[in-house]
Amino acid sequence: MSEQEREKQGVREDEVSKWKIGQHREWNWQEILQQQIAAGLVAAEPFRCPTCGTMRRNRICPVCGSIMDLKTMTETVHGDESAK
């Protein structure tokens, strides 16, 4: 086995050992959603927009632009009613 092959094998073993001991971690959508909920970026449950009626989780409605306070679930900025 040449020196280059041994170096490649050593690098490969290092990469594999990172996977085995958990230094490399895959993110799944459930973890990301839980982090966004904890940060207050999205609501835990989908809700209907009070202005246009679109179901959403986000603070800002993509259809009419209304902005909700997700802690109190009250509309802080009224959206465009013609964008239904």
Protein backbone atom coordinates (compact mmCIF):
# COMPACT_ATOMS: atom_id res chain seq x y z
CA MET A 1 0.00 0.00 0.00
CA SER A 2 1.49 3.34 -1.04
CA GLU A 3 1.70 6.38 1.23
CA GLN A 4 -1.09 8.18 -0.67
CA GLU A 5 -3.41 5.21 -0.29
CA ARG A 6 -2.67 5.10 3.45
CA GLU A 7 -3.46 8.84 3.74
CA LYS A 8 -6.74 8.36 1.87
CA GLN A 9 -7.60 5.44 4.14
CA GLY A 10 -6.80 7.53 7.22
CA VAL A 11 -9.01 10.39 6.03
CA ARG A 12 -11.82 7.96 5.28
CA GLU A 13 -11.53 6.41 8.73
CA ASP A 14 -11.68 9.89 10.30
CA GLU A 15 -14.87 10.69 8.37
CA VAL A 16 -16.44 7.38 9.37
CA SER A 17 -15.48 7.87 13.03
CA LYS A 18 -17.21 11.30 13.02
CA TRP A 19 -20.41 9.56 11.96
CA LYS A 20 -20.00 6.87 14.60
CA ILE A 21 -19.45 9.24 17.53
CA GLY A 22 -22.16 11.68 16.45
CA GLN A 23 -20.09 14.70 15.48
CA HIS A 24 -21.90 14.78 12.16
CA ARG A 25 -25.64 15.14 12.57
CA GLU A 26 -28.41 14.98 10.02
CA TRP A 27 -31.26 17.47 10.42
CA ASN A 28 -34.77 16.31 9.85
CA TRP A 29 -37.79 18.50 9.22
CA GLN A 30 -39.32 17.77 12.63
CA GLU A 31 -36.29 19.12 14.49
CA ILE A 32 -36.19 22.20 12.29
CA LEU A 33 -39.91 22.83 12.85
CA GLN A 34 -39.51 22.46 16.63
CA GLN A 35 -36.65 24.97 16.61
CA GLN A 36 -38.68 27.44 14.55
CA ILE A 37 -41.64 27.07 16.94
CA ALA A 38 -39.36 27.62 19.94
CA ALA A 39 -37.91 30.74 18.31
CA GLY A 40 -41.40 32.12 17.60
CA LEU A 41 -40.99 32.08 13.83
CA VAL A 42 -43.94 29.76 13.14
CA ALA A 43 -47.03 28.63 15.07
CA ALA A 44 -47.31 25.12 16.48
CA GLU A 45 -50.64 24.58 14.71
CA PRO A 46 -51.80 25.96 11.35
CA PHE A 47 -54.33 28.78 11.68
CA ARG A 48 -56.61 30.68 9.33
CA CYS A 49 -55.52 34.19 8.35
CA PRO A 50 -58.06 36.68 9.76
CA THR A 51 -57.88 38.86 6.64
CA CYS A 52 -57.91 36.48 3.65
CA GLY A 53 -58.72 33.10 5.21
CA THR A 54 -55.58 31.27 4.00
CA MET A 55 -54.30 28.48 6.25
CA ARG A 56 -50.77 29.24 7.43
CA ARG A 57 -48.19 28.77 10.21
CA ASN A 58 -45.95 31.76 9.44
CA ARG A 59 -46.14 35.17 11.09
CA ILE A 60 -46.58 36.95 7.75
CA CYS A 61 -49.31 35.85 5.36
CA PRO A 62 -47.94 35.11 1.86
CA VAL A 63 -51.26 36.08 0.24
CA CYS A 64 -52.40 39.32 1.87
CA GLY A 65 -49.38 40.36 3.94
CA SER A 66 -51.07 40.53 7.35
CA ILE A 67 -48.75 40.06 10.32
CA MET A 68 -49.75 38.03 13.39
CA ASP A 69 -48.34 38.03 16.90
CA LEU A 70 -47.94 34.27 17.34
CA LYS A 71 -47.86 34.39 21.15
CA THR A 72 -51.23 36.12 21.52
CA MET A 73 -52.58 35.07 18.09
CA THR A 74 -53.73 38.61 17.36
CA GLU A 75 -53.28 40.46 14.09
CA THR A 76 -50.78 43.30 14.50
CA VAL A 77 -50.83 44.56 10.88
CA HIS A 78 -53.99 44.20 8.82
CA GLY A 79 -53.45 42.71 5.36
CA ASP A 80 -54.69 43.72 1.92
CA GLU A 81 -58.32 42.58 1.69
CA SER A 82 -58.33 42.65 -2.11
CA ALA A 83 -55.70 39.85 -2.19
CA LYS A 84 -58.12 37.00 -1.53
